[in-house]
Amino acid sequence: MKHPVVWFEVNGDDAKKLHGFYGELFGWKVAVDNPMDYGMVEAEKGRGIPGGIGKKDAPSPGVTFYVSTPSIDDSLARAKKLGGSTLMPRTQLPGGTILALFADPQGNTIGLVEEAA
């Protein structure tokens, strides 16, 4: 797969309830030792992808998956050409991760993670 899914996010109005729900449902270990109370879920034994569970914050309500790309700018331009729209432009987070969000032509939110080549 040229652009693999590398992260997922589940966001809702009550992050703590979601942490408990997914922890109980799937046995996920949800680490919330951060100031944003963002639940980090690790992939275990090389299976699955890591992700996070947090409080709903526009423009990323509900479930979002993040796709690896060598160039967020190129991917956003291609998404726009194909009928998508940018929701959050190329943004560098503390710690260095570079993200962006776009909506596909049906309104689904998709994330991009810029990976070093």
Protein backbone atom coordinates (compact mmCIF):
# COMPACT_ATOMS: atom_id res chain seq x y z
CA MET A 1 0.00 0.00 0.00
CA LYS A 2 1.57 3.26 -1.11
CA HIS A 3 -0.19 5.48 1.47
CA PRO A 4 -0.99 3.30 4.52
CA VAL A 5 -3.38 4.21 7.31
CA VAL A 6 -1.11 5.06 10.27
CA TRP A 7 -3.45 6.43 12.98
CA PHE A 8 -7.11 6.47 13.97
CA GLU A 9 -9.10 8.83 16.15
CA VAL A 10 -12.47 8.49 17.86
CA ASN A 11 -13.81 11.77 19.25
CA GLY A 12 -16.98 12.56 21.16
CA ASP A 13 -18.53 14.92 23.68
CA ASP A 14 -17.32 12.93 26.72
CA ALA A 15 -13.78 11.61 26.20
CA LYS A 16 -13.67 9.84 29.58
CA LYS A 17 -16.79 7.80 28.73
CA LEU A 18 -15.30 6.87 25.37
CA HIS A 19 -12.03 5.82 27.05
CA GLY A 20 -14.00 3.49 29.31
CA PHE A 21 -16.27 2.23 26.54
CA TYR A 22 -13.50 1.21 24.13
CA GLY A 23 -11.30 -0.03 26.96
CA GLU A 24 -14.05 -2.36 28.17
CA LEU A 25 -15.35 -3.33 24.73
CA PHE A 26 -12.02 -4.26 23.12
CA GLY A 27 -9.65 -4.53 26.08
CA TRP A 28 -7.66 -1.55 24.80
CA LYS A 29 -5.21 0.04 27.21
CA VAL A 30 -6.04 3.75 27.01
CA ALA A 31 -3.25 5.97 28.40
CA VAL A 32 -4.49 9.43 29.42
CA ASP A 33 -1.40 10.79 31.16
CA ASN A 34 -1.38 14.09 29.27
CA PRO A 35 -2.87 17.55 29.88
CA MET A 36 -5.46 17.21 27.09
CA ASP A 37 -6.94 13.98 28.56
CA TYR A 38 -6.38 12.48 25.11
CA GLY A 39 -6.46 8.69 25.30
CA MET A 40 -3.56 7.07 23.49
CA VAL A 41 -4.12 3.50 22.26
CA GLU A 42 -1.06 1.48 21.23
CA ALA A 43 -1.00 -1.34 18.69
CA GLU A 44 0.07 -4.51 20.48
CA LYS A 45 2.34 -7.28 19.23
CA GLY A 46 2.68 -5.73 15.77
CA ARG A 47 -1.05 -5.98 15.01
CA GLY A 48 -3.30 -3.09 14.13
CA ILE A 49 -2.54 0.61 14.14
CA PRO A 50 -2.17 3.02 17.07
CA GLY A 51 -4.73 5.71 17.68
CA GLY A 52 -6.37 8.12 20.05
CA ILE A 53 -9.67 8.76 21.82
CA GLY A 54 -10.54 12.33 22.74
CA LYS A 55 -13.02 15.17 23.06
CA LYS A 56 -14.83 16.21 19.90
CA ASP A 57 -13.27 19.31 18.39
CA ALA A 58 -14.24 20.72 14.99
CA PRO A 59 -13.29 19.94 12.27
CA SER A 60 -12.75 16.36 13.43
CA PRO A 61 -15.98 14.94 14.90
CA GLY A 62 -16.61 11.22 15.05
CA VAL A 63 -14.10 8.80 13.57
CA THR A 64 -11.12 9.90 11.49
CA PHE A 65 -8.29 7.87 10.06
CA TYR A 66 -4.90 9.30 9.13
CA VAL A 67 -2.98 8.35 6.00
CA SER A 68 0.78 8.61 5.57
CA THR A 69 2.00 10.84 2.74
CA PRO A 70 5.41 12.16 1.70
CA SER A 71 3.86 15.58 0.93
CA ILE A 72 0.76 16.96 2.63
CA ASP A 73 0.70 19.90 0.21
CA ASP A 74 0.64 17.56 -2.81
CA SER A 75 -2.02 15.33 -1.25
CA LEU A 76 -4.25 18.31 -0.34
CA ALA A 77 -3.92 19.68 -3.88
CA ARG A 78 -4.83 16.28 -5.35
CA ALA A 79 -7.80 15.92 -2.97
CA LYS A 80 -9.06 19.35 -4.04
CA LYS A 81 -8.70 18.44 -7.73
CA LEU A 82 -10.76 15.30 -7.09
CA GLY A 83 -13.57 17.20 -5.30
CA GLY A 84 -12.35 17.31 -1.70
CA SER A 85 -11.74 20.37 0.46
CA THR A 86 -9.13 21.31 3.05
CA LEU A 87 -10.41 21.45 6.64
CA MET A 88 -7.07 22.06 8.39
CA PRO A 89 -3.99 23.04 6.39
CA ARG A 90 -0.50 21.62 6.96
CA THR A 91 0.10 22.06 10.71
CA GLN A 92 3.12 21.11 12.81
CA LEU A 93 2.27 19.85 16.29
CA PRO A 94 4.52 20.19 19.34
CA GLY A 95 6.98 17.33 19.05
CA GLY A 96 7.26 17.66 15.28
CA THR A 97 4.35 15.65 13.85
CA ILE A 98 2.93 17.34 10.75
CA LEU A 99 -0.81 16.89 10.09
CA ALA A 100 -3.60 18.15 7.86
CA LEU A 101 -7.30 17.33 7.49
CA PHE A 102 -9.50 17.31 4.42
CA ALA A 103 -13.10 16.40 3.60
CA ASP A 104 -13.74 13.93 0.81
CA PRO A 105 -16.52 14.74 -1.70
CA GLN A 106 -19.09 13.11 0.63
CA GLY A 107 -18.00 15.12 3.69
CA ASN A 108 -15.95 12.45 5.50
CA THR A 109 -12.95 13.82 7.43
CA ILE A 110 -9.63 12.22 6.51
CA GLY A 111 -6.30 13.05 8.13
CA LEU A 112 -2.87 13.20 6.57
CA VAL A 113 0.45 12.62 8.34
CA GLU A 114 3.58 13.77 6.58
CA GLU A 115 6.24 11.09 6.91
CA ALA A 116 9.93 11.63 6.23
CA ALA A 117 10.99 9.93 3.02
